[in-house]
Amino acid sequence: HGETDEQLARKVAAALKHGLVPVLCVGETADDL
């Protein structure tokens, strides 16, 4: 879905605003590694 880090930061803020606990996923591909 092409979600960017900047968009995900806004989603984290939106979750916290509504009392949800964000489970922020991070990880690298084999090429990244």
Full PDB file with SEQRES, HELIX, SHEET, SSBOND, CRYST1, ORIGX, SCALE, CONECT and MASTER records, all heavy atoms in Angstrom:
SEQRES   1 A   33  HIS GLY GLU THR ASP GLU GLN LEU ALA ARG LYS VAL ALA          
SEQRES   2 A   33  ALA ALA LEU LYS HIS GLY LEU VAL PRO VAL LEU CYS VAL          
SEQRES   3 A   33  GLY GLU THR ALA ASP ASP LEU                                  
HELIX    1 AA1 ASP A    5  LYS A   17  1                                  13    
CRYST1    1.000    1.000    1.000  90.00  90.00  90.00 P 1           1          
ORIGX1      1.000000  0.000000  0.000000        0.00000                         
ORIGX2      0.000000  1.000000  0.000000        0.00000                         
ORIGX3      0.000000  0.000000  1.000000        0.00000                         
SCALE1      1.000000  0.000000  0.000000        0.00000                         
SCALE2      0.000000  1.000000  0.000000        0.00000                         
SCALE3      0.000000  0.000000  1.000000        0.00000                         
ATOM      1  N   HIS A   1       0.806  -1.213   0.000  1.00  0.00           N  
ATOM      2  CA  HIS A   1       0.000   0.000   0.000  1.00  0.00           C  
ATOM      3  C   HIS A   1       0.848   1.278   0.000  1.00  0.00           C  
ATOM      4  O   HIS A   1       0.303   2.375   0.076  1.00  0.00           O  
ATOM      5  CB  HIS A   1      -0.951  -0.001   1.196  1.00  0.00           C  
ATOM      6  CG  HIS A   1      -1.934  -1.137   1.168  1.00  0.00           C  
ATOM      7  ND1 HIS A   1      -3.168  -1.050   0.570  1.00  0.00           N  
ATOM      8  CD2 HIS A   1      -1.838  -2.407   1.639  1.00  0.00           C  
ATOM      9  CE1 HIS A   1      -3.806  -2.207   0.685  1.00  0.00           C  
ATOM     10  NE2 HIS A   1      -3.014  -3.041   1.333  1.00  0.00           N  
ATOM     11  N   GLY A   2       2.146   1.105  -0.049  1.00  0.00           N  
ATOM     12  CA  GLY A   2       3.036   2.258  -0.167  1.00  0.00           C  
ATOM     13  C   GLY A   2       3.014   3.196   1.018  1.00  0.00           C  
ATOM     14  O   GLY A   2       3.246   4.401   0.858  1.00  0.00           O  
ATOM     15  N   GLU A   3       2.735   2.673   2.189  1.00  0.00           N  
ATOM     16  CA  GLU A   3       2.673   3.543   3.365  1.00  0.00           C  
ATOM     17  C   GLU A   3       4.068   4.050   3.731  1.00  0.00           C  
ATOM     18  O   GLU A   3       5.026   3.277   3.804  1.00  0.00           O  
ATOM     19  CB  GLU A   3       2.035   2.804   4.538  1.00  0.00           C  
ATOM     20  CG  GLU A   3       0.562   2.480   4.287  1.00  0.00           C  
ATOM     21  CD  GLU A   3      -0.140   1.917   5.500  1.00  0.00           C  
ATOM     22  OE1 GLU A   3       0.548   1.535   6.471  1.00  0.00           O  
ATOM     23  OE2 GLU A   3      -1.377   1.843   5.481  1.00  0.00           O  
ATOM     24  N   THR A   4       4.163   5.342   3.982  1.00  0.00           N  
ATOM     25  CA  THR A   4       5.446   5.972   4.289  1.00  0.00           C  
ATOM     26  C   THR A   4       5.623   6.126   5.795  1.00  0.00           C  
ATOM     27  O   THR A   4       4.659   6.075   6.569  1.00  0.00           O  
ATOM     28  CB  THR A   4       5.532   7.359   3.643  1.00  0.00           C  
ATOM     29  OG1 THR A   4       4.543   8.215   4.253  1.00  0.00           O  
ATOM     30  CG2 THR A   4       5.283   7.278   2.145  1.00  0.00           C  
ATOM     31  N   ASP A   5       6.843   6.358   6.204  1.00  0.00           N  
ATOM     32  CA  ASP A   5       7.120   6.583   7.623  1.00  0.00           C  
ATOM     33  C   ASP A   5       6.350   7.795   8.144  1.00  0.00           C  
ATOM     34  O   ASP A   5       5.854   7.782   9.278  1.00  0.00           O  
ATOM     35  CB  ASP A   5       8.625   6.795   7.836  1.00  0.00           C  
ATOM     36  CG  ASP A   5       9.414   5.509   7.696  1.00  0.00           C  
ATOM     37  OD1 ASP A   5       8.873   4.440   8.022  1.00  0.00           O  
ATOM     38  OD2 ASP A   5      10.584   5.574   7.271  1.00  0.00           O  
ATOM     39  N   GLU A   6       6.247   8.830   7.341  1.00  0.00           N  
ATOM     40  CA  GLU A   6       5.539  10.036   7.758  1.00  0.00           C  
ATOM     41  C   GLU A   6       4.053   9.743   7.975  1.00  0.00           C  
ATOM     42  O   GLU A   6       3.442  10.220   8.941  1.00  0.00           O  
ATOM     43  CB  GLU A   6       5.712  11.143   6.712  1.00  0.00           C  
ATOM     44  CG  GLU A   6       7.133  11.662   6.574  1.00  0.00           C  
ATOM     45  CD  GLU A   6       8.052  10.705   5.814  1.00  0.00           C  
ATOM     46  OE1 GLU A   6       7.548   9.814   5.092  1.00  0.00           O  
ATOM     47  OE2 GLU A   6       9.289  10.851   5.960  1.00  0.00           O  
ATOM     48  N   GLN A   7       3.459   8.969   7.085  1.00  0.00           N  
ATOM     49  CA  GLN A   7       2.055   8.599   7.228  1.00  0.00           C  
ATOM     50  C   GLN A   7       1.850   7.725   8.467  1.00  0.00           C  
ATOM     51  O   GLN A   7       0.872   7.892   9.206  1.00  0.00           O  
ATOM     52  CB  GLN A   7       1.589   7.844   5.979  1.00  0.00           C  
ATOM     53  CG  GLN A   7       0.122   7.424   6.008  1.00  0.00           C  
ATOM     54  CD  GLN A   7      -0.277   6.638   4.772  1.00  0.00           C  
ATOM     55  OE1 GLN A   7       0.572   6.171   4.014  1.00  0.00           O  
ATOM     56  NE2 GLN A   7      -1.575   6.500   4.542  1.00  0.00           N  
ATOM     57  N   LEU A   8       2.782   6.825   8.709  1.00  0.00           N  
ATOM     58  CA  LEU A   8       2.660   5.936   9.858  1.00  0.00           C  
ATOM     59  C   LEU A   8       2.776   6.699  11.166  1.00  0.00           C  
ATOM     60  O   LEU A   8       2.125   6.357  12.159  1.00  0.00           O  
ATOM     61  CB  LEU A   8       3.713   4.822   9.770  1.00  0.00           C  
ATOM     62  CG  LEU A   8       3.536   3.891   8.562  1.00  0.00           C  
ATOM     63  CD1 LEU A   8       4.674   2.893   8.480  1.00  0.00           C  
ATOM     64  CD2 LEU A   8       2.199   3.178   8.615  1.00  0.00           C  
ATOM     65  N   ALA A   9       3.595   7.738  11.192  1.00  0.00           N  
ATOM     66  CA  ALA A   9       3.678   8.575  12.394  1.00  0.00           C  
ATOM     67  C   ALA A   9       2.337   9.225  12.684  1.00  0.00           C  
ATOM     68  O   ALA A   9       1.919   9.335  13.851  1.00  0.00           O  
ATOM     69  CB  ALA A   9       4.755   9.645  12.213  1.00  0.00           C  
ATOM     70  N   ARG A  10       1.624   9.635  11.639  1.00  0.00           N  
ATOM     71  CA  ARG A  10       0.299  10.218  11.837  1.00  0.00           C  
ATOM     72  C   ARG A  10      -0.688   9.160  12.332  1.00  0.00           C  
ATOM     73  O   ARG A  10      -1.601   9.455  13.121  1.00  0.00           O  
ATOM     74  CB  ARG A  10      -0.193  10.876  10.542  1.00  0.00           C  
ATOM     75  CG  ARG A  10       0.649  12.092  10.132  1.00  0.00           C  
ATOM     76  CD  ARG A  10      -0.010  12.881   9.020  1.00  0.00           C  
ATOM     77  NE  ARG A  10      -0.075  12.171   7.752  1.00  0.00           N  
ATOM     78  CZ  ARG A  10       0.879  12.193   6.814  1.00  0.00           C  
ATOM     79  NH1 ARG A  10       1.991  12.896   7.014  1.00  0.00           N  
ATOM     80  NH2 ARG A  10       0.731  11.534   5.684  1.00  0.00           N  
ATOM     81  N   LYS A  11      -0.515   7.936  11.883  1.00  0.00           N  
ATOM     82  CA  LYS A  11      -1.391   6.852  12.351  1.00  0.00           C  
ATOM     83  C   LYS A  11      -1.121   6.531  13.823  1.00  0.00           C  
ATOM     84  O   LYS A  11      -2.056   6.249  14.587  1.00  0.00           O  
ATOM     85  CB  LYS A  11      -1.203   5.599  11.487  1.00  0.00           C  
ATOM     86  CG  LYS A  11      -1.747   5.744  10.080  1.00  0.00           C  
ATOM     87  CD  LYS A  11      -1.733   4.409   9.340  1.00  0.00           C  
ATOM     88  CE  LYS A  11      -2.402   4.531   7.981  1.00  0.00           C  
ATOM     89  NZ  LYS A  11      -2.651   3.220   7.354  1.00  0.00           N  
ATOM     90  N   VAL A  12       0.139   6.549  14.216  1.00  0.00           N  
ATOM     91  CA  VAL A  12       0.472   6.334  15.630  1.00  0.00           C  
ATOM     92  C   VAL A  12      -0.209   7.395  16.484  1.00  0.00           C  
ATOM     93  O   VAL A  12      -0.819   7.096  17.521  1.00  0.00           O  
ATOM     94  CB  VAL A  12       2.001   6.354  15.842  1.00  0.00           C  
ATOM     95  CG1 VAL A  12       2.332   6.386  17.335  1.00  0.00           C  
ATOM     96  CG2 VAL A  12       2.649   5.132  15.192  1.00  0.00           C  
ATOM     97  N   ALA A  13      -0.125   8.650  16.052  1.00  0.00           N  
ATOM     98  CA  ALA A  13      -0.753   9.749  16.788  1.00  0.00           C  
ATOM     99  C   ALA A  13      -2.264   9.571  16.847  1.00  0.00           C  
ATOM    100  O   ALA A  13      -2.893   9.816  17.891  1.00  0.00           O  
ATOM    101  CB  ALA A  13      -0.393  11.078  16.142  1.00  0.00           C  
ATOM    102  N   ALA A  14      -2.865   9.127  15.746  1.00  0.00           N  
ATOM    103  CA  ALA A  14      -4.313   8.925  15.705  1.00  0.00           C  
ATOM    104  C   ALA A  14      -4.728   7.812  16.666  1.00  0.00           C  
ATOM    105  O   ALA A  14      -5.752   7.922  17.358  1.00  0.00           O  
ATOM    106  CB  ALA A  14      -4.760   8.587  14.283  1.00  0.00           C  
ATOM    107  N   ALA A  15      -3.948   6.740  16.722  1.00  0.00           N  
ATOM    108  CA  ALA A  15      -4.259   5.634  17.632  1.00  0.00           C  
ATOM    109  C   ALA A  15      -4.202   6.103  19.081  1.00  0.00           C  
ATOM    110  O   ALA A  15      -5.120   5.854  19.874  1.00  0.00           O  
ATOM    111  CB  ALA A  15      -3.290   4.481  17.403  1.00  0.00           C  
ATOM    112  N   LEU A  16      -3.143   6.792  19.435  1.00  0.00           N  
ATOM    113  CA  LEU A  16      -2.982   7.256  20.810  1.00  0.00           C  
ATOM    114  C   LEU A  16      -4.091   8.232  21.204  1.00  0.00           C  
ATOM    115  O   LEU A  16      -4.582   8.219  22.338  1.00  0.00           O  
ATOM    116  CB  LEU A  16      -1.614   7.912  20.983  1.00  0.00           C  
ATOM    117  CG  LEU A  16      -0.402   6.964  20.888  1.00  0.00           C  
ATOM    118  CD1 LEU A  16       0.897   7.760  20.856  1.00  0.00           C  
ATOM    119  CD2 LEU A  16      -0.401   5.969  22.046  1.00  0.00           C  
ATOM    120  N   LYS A  17      -4.507   9.057  20.271  1.00  0.00           N  
ATOM    121  CA  LYS A  17      -5.574  10.033  20.547  1.00  0.00           C  
ATOM    122  C   LYS A  17      -6.846   9.347  21.006  1.00  0.00           C  
ATOM    123  O   LYS A  17      -7.600   9.875  21.838  1.00  0.00           O  
ATOM    124  CB  LYS A  17      -5.836  10.871  19.293  1.00  0.00           C  
ATOM    125  CG  LYS A  17      -6.966  11.882  19.465  1.00  0.00           C  
ATOM    126  CD  LYS A  17      -7.166  12.702  18.205  1.00  0.00           C  
ATOM    127  CE  LYS A  17      -8.312  13.699  18.382  1.00  0.00           C  
ATOM    128  NZ  LYS A  17      -8.515  14.522  17.161  1.00  0.00           N  
ATOM    129  N   HIS A  18      -7.091   8.141  20.482  1.00  0.00           N  
ATOM    130  CA  HIS A  18      -8.332   7.437  20.788  1.00  0.00           C  
ATOM    131  C   HIS A  18      -8.136   6.312  21.800  1.00  0.00           C  
ATOM    132  O   HIS A  18      -8.994   5.424  21.924  1.00  0.00           O  
ATOM    133  CB  HIS A  18      -8.954   6.911  19.495  1.00  0.00           C  
ATOM    134  CG  HIS A  18      -9.473   8.006  18.613  1.00  0.00           C  
ATOM    135  ND1 HIS A  18     -10.638   8.700  18.895  1.00  0.00           N  
ATOM    136  CD2 HIS A  18      -8.962   8.573  17.486  1.00  0.00           C  
ATOM    137  CE1 HIS A  18     -10.830   9.618  17.972  1.00  0.00           C  
ATOM    138  NE2 HIS A  18      -9.833   9.571  17.115  1.00  0.00           N  
ATOM    139  N   GLY A  19      -7.035   6.363  22.535  1.00  0.00           N  
ATOM    140  CA  GLY A  19      -6.839   5.401  23.602  1.00  0.00           C  
ATOM    141  C   GLY A  19      -6.448   4.011  23.158  1.00  0.00           C  
ATOM    142  O   GLY A  19      -6.536   3.059  23.938  1.00  0.00           O  
ATOM    143  N   LEU A  20      -6.023   3.882  21.913  1.00  0.00           N  
ATOM    144  CA  LEU A  20      -5.560   2.599  21.392  1.00  0.00           C  
ATOM    145  C   LEU A  20      -4.056   2.469  21.615  1.00  0.00           C  
ATOM    146  O   LEU A  20      -3.333   3.467  21.603  1.00  0.00           O  
ATOM    147  CB  LEU A  20      -5.857   2.490  19.899  1.00  0.00           C  
ATOM    148  CG  LEU A  20      -7.329   2.602  19.487  1.00  0.00           C  
ATOM    149  CD1 LEU A  20      -7.427   2.852  17.990  1.00  0.00           C  
ATOM    150  CD2 LEU A  20      -8.097   1.346  19.872  1.00  0.00           C  
ATOM    151  N   VAL A  21      -3.595   1.251  21.803  1.00  0.00           N  
ATOM    152  CA  VAL A  21      -2.162   1.006  21.917  1.00  0.00           C  
ATOM    153  C   VAL A  21      -1.634   0.633  20.532  1.00  0.00           C  
ATOM    154  O   VAL A  21      -1.972  -0.427  20.005  1.00  0.00           O  
ATOM    155  CB  VAL A  21      -1.858  -0.123  22.911  1.00  0.00           C  
ATOM    156  CG1 VAL A  21      -0.354  -0.403  22.964  1.00  0.00           C  
ATOM    157  CG2 VAL A  21      -2.390   0.220  24.297  1.00  0.00           C  
ATOM    158  N   PRO A  22      -0.832   1.503  19.916  1.00  0.00           N  
ATOM    159  CA  PRO A  22      -0.291   1.165  18.602  1.00  0.00           C  
ATOM    160  C   PRO A  22       0.788   0.096  18.701  1.00  0.00           C  
ATOM    161  O   PRO A  22       1.655   0.158  19.576  1.00  0.00           O  
ATOM    162  CB  PRO A  22       0.308   2.488  18.109  1.00  0.00           C  
ATOM    163  CG  PRO A  22       0.592   3.267  19.347  1.00  0.00           C  
ATOM    164  CD  PRO A  22      -0.415   2.840  20.376  1.00  0.00           C  
ATOM    165  N   VAL A  23       0.693  -0.881  17.843  1.00  0.00           N  
ATOM    166  CA  VAL A  23       1.744  -1.890  17.706  1.00  0.00           C  
ATOM    167  C   VAL A  23       2.501  -1.519  16.435  1.00  0.00           C  
ATOM    168  O   VAL A  23       2.092  -1.854  15.321  1.00  0.00           O  
ATOM    169  CB  VAL A  23       1.166  -3.318  17.605  1.00  0.00           C  
ATOM    170  CG1 VAL A  23       2.285  -4.348  17.465  1.00  0.00           C  
ATOM    171  CG2 VAL A  23       0.306  -3.624  18.831  1.00  0.00           C  
ATOM    172  N   LEU A  24       3.575  -0.772  16.609  1.00  0.00           N  
ATOM    173  CA  LEU A  24       4.327  -0.233  15.475  1.00  0.00           C  
ATOM    174  C   LEU A  24       5.295  -1.286  14.965  1.00  0.00           C  
ATOM    175  O   LEU A  24       6.202  -1.722  15.683  1.00  0.00           O  
ATOM    176  CB  LEU A  24       5.083   1.025  15.895  1.00  0.00           C  
ATOM    177  CG  LEU A  24       5.939   1.699  14.825  1.00  0.00           C  
ATOM    178  CD1 LEU A  24       5.107   2.099  13.612  1.00  0.00           C  
ATOM    179  CD2 LEU A  24       6.658   2.913  15.403  1.00  0.00           C  
ATOM    180  N   CYS A  25       5.083  -1.706  13.721  1.00  0.00           N  
ATOM    181  CA  CYS A  25       5.898  -2.764  13.124  1.00  0.00           C  
ATOM    182  C   CYS A  25       7.087  -2.167  12.373  1.00  0.00           C  
ATOM    183  O   CYS A  25       6.922  -1.222  11.592  1.00  0.00           O  
ATOM    184  CB  CYS A  25       5.060  -3.600  12.163  1.00  0.00           C  
ATOM    185  SG  CYS A  25       3.603  -4.362  12.913  1.00  0.00           S  
ATOM    186  N   VAL A  26       8.253  -2.730  12.602  1.00  0.00           N  
ATOM    187  CA  VAL A  26       9.473  -2.299  11.921  1.00  0.00           C  
ATOM    188  C   VAL A  26      10.235  -3.535  11.479  1.00  0.00           C  
ATOM    189  O   VAL A  26      10.114  -4.599  12.074  1.00  0.00           O  
ATOM    190  CB  VAL A  26      10.360  -1.423  12.834  1.00  0.00           C  
ATOM    191  CG1 VAL A  26       9.620  -0.162  13.264  1.00  0.00           C  
ATOM    192  CG2 VAL A  26      10.812  -2.198  14.072  1.00  0.00           C  
ATOM    193  N   GLY A  27      11.014  -3.391  10.419  1.00  0.00           N  
ATOM    194  CA  GLY A  27      11.787  -4.546   9.966  1.00  0.00           C  
ATOM    195  C   GLY A  27      12.448  -4.293   8.631  1.00  0.00           C  
ATOM    196  O   GLY A  27      12.065  -3.383   7.886  1.00  0.00           O  
ATOM    197  N   GLU A  28      13.443  -5.111   8.338  1.00  0.00           N  
ATOM    198  CA  GLU A  28      14.242  -4.915   7.142  1.00  0.00           C  
ATOM    199  C   GLU A  28      14.134  -6.104   6.187  1.00  0.00           C  
ATOM    200  O   GLU A  28      13.849  -7.225   6.604  1.00  0.00           O  
ATOM    201  CB  GLU A  28      15.716  -4.692   7.509  1.00  0.00           C  
ATOM    202  CG  GLU A  28      16.489  -5.945   7.878  1.00  0.00           C  
ATOM    203  CD  GLU A  28      16.146  -6.485   9.257  1.00  0.00           C  
ATOM    204  OE1 GLU A  28      15.283  -5.906   9.935  1.00  0.00           O  
ATOM    205  OE2 GLU A  28      16.725  -7.505   9.657  1.00  0.00           O  
ATOM    206  N   THR A  29      14.330  -5.825   4.909  1.00  0.00           N  
ATOM    207  CA  THR A  29      14.391  -6.886   3.903  1.00  0.00           C  
ATOM    208  C   THR A  29      15.794  -7.484   3.879  1.00  0.00           C  
ATOM    209  O   THR A  29      16.720  -6.963   4.517  1.00  0.00           O  
ATOM    210  CB  THR A  29      14.065  -6.336   2.505  1.00  0.00           C  
ATOM    211  OG1 THR A  29      15.112  -5.405   2.128  1.00  0.00           O  
ATOM    212  CG2 THR A  29      12.714  -5.625   2.487  1.00  0.00           C  
ATOM    213  N   ALA A  30      15.945  -8.566   3.135  1.00  0.00           N  
ATOM    214  CA  ALA A  30      17.267  -9.177   2.989  1.00  0.00           C  
ATOM    215  C   ALA A  30      18.243  -8.194   2.352  1.00  0.00           C  
ATOM    216  O   ALA A  30      19.422  -8.117   2.732  1.00  0.00           O  
ATOM    217  CB  ALA A  30      17.167 -10.452   2.164  1.00  0.00           C  
ATOM    218  N   ASP A  31      17.761  -7.416   1.370  1.00  0.00           N  
ATOM    219  CA  ASP A  31      18.624  -6.418   0.726  1.00  0.00           C  
ATOM    220  C   ASP A  31      19.027  -5.331   1.714  1.00  0.00           C  
ATOM    221  O   ASP A  31      20.178  -4.867   1.722  1.00  0.00           O  
ATOM    222  CB  ASP A  31      17.914  -5.798  -0.479  1.00  0.00           C  
ATOM    223  CG  ASP A  31      17.778  -6.767  -1.647  1.00  0.00           C  
ATOM    224  OD1 ASP A  31      18.519  -7.777  -1.659  1.00  0.00           O  
ATOM    225  OD2 ASP A  31      16.930  -6.516  -2.525  1.00  0.00           O  
ATOM    226  N   ASP A  32      18.068  -4.901   2.552  1.00  0.00           N  
ATOM    227  CA  ASP A  32      18.374  -3.900   3.578  1.00  0.00           C  
ATOM    228  C   ASP A  32      19.449  -4.418   4.522  1.00  0.00           C  
ATOM    229  O   ASP A  32      20.381  -3.688   4.894  1.00  0.00           O  
ATOM    230  CB  ASP A  32      17.124  -3.575   4.409  1.00  0.00           C  
ATOM    231  CG  ASP A  32      16.078  -2.797   3.635  1.00  0.00           C  
ATOM    232  OD1 ASP A  32      16.454  -2.085   2.687  1.00  0.00           O  
ATOM    233  OD2 ASP A  32      14.890  -2.909   3.989  1.00  0.00           O  
ATOM    234  N   LEU A  33      19.292  -5.662   4.916  1.00  0.00           N  
ATOM    235  CA  LEU A  33      20.227  -6.268   5.873  1.00  0.00           C  
ATOM    236  C   LEU A  33      21.635  -6.300   5.284  1.00  0.00           C  
ATOM    237  O   LEU A  33      22.621  -5.975   5.959  1.00  0.00           O  
ATOM    238  CB  LEU A  33      19.762  -7.679   6.224  1.00  0.00           C  
ATOM    239  CG  LEU A  33      20.551  -8.420   7.294  1.00  0.00           C  
ATOM    240  CD1 LEU A  33      20.455  -7.706   8.636  1.00  0.00           C  
ATOM    241  CD2 LEU A  33      20.035  -9.857   7.428  1.00  0.00           C  
TER     242      LEU A  33                                                      
MASTER        0    0    0    1    0    0    0    6  241    1    0    3          
END                                                                             
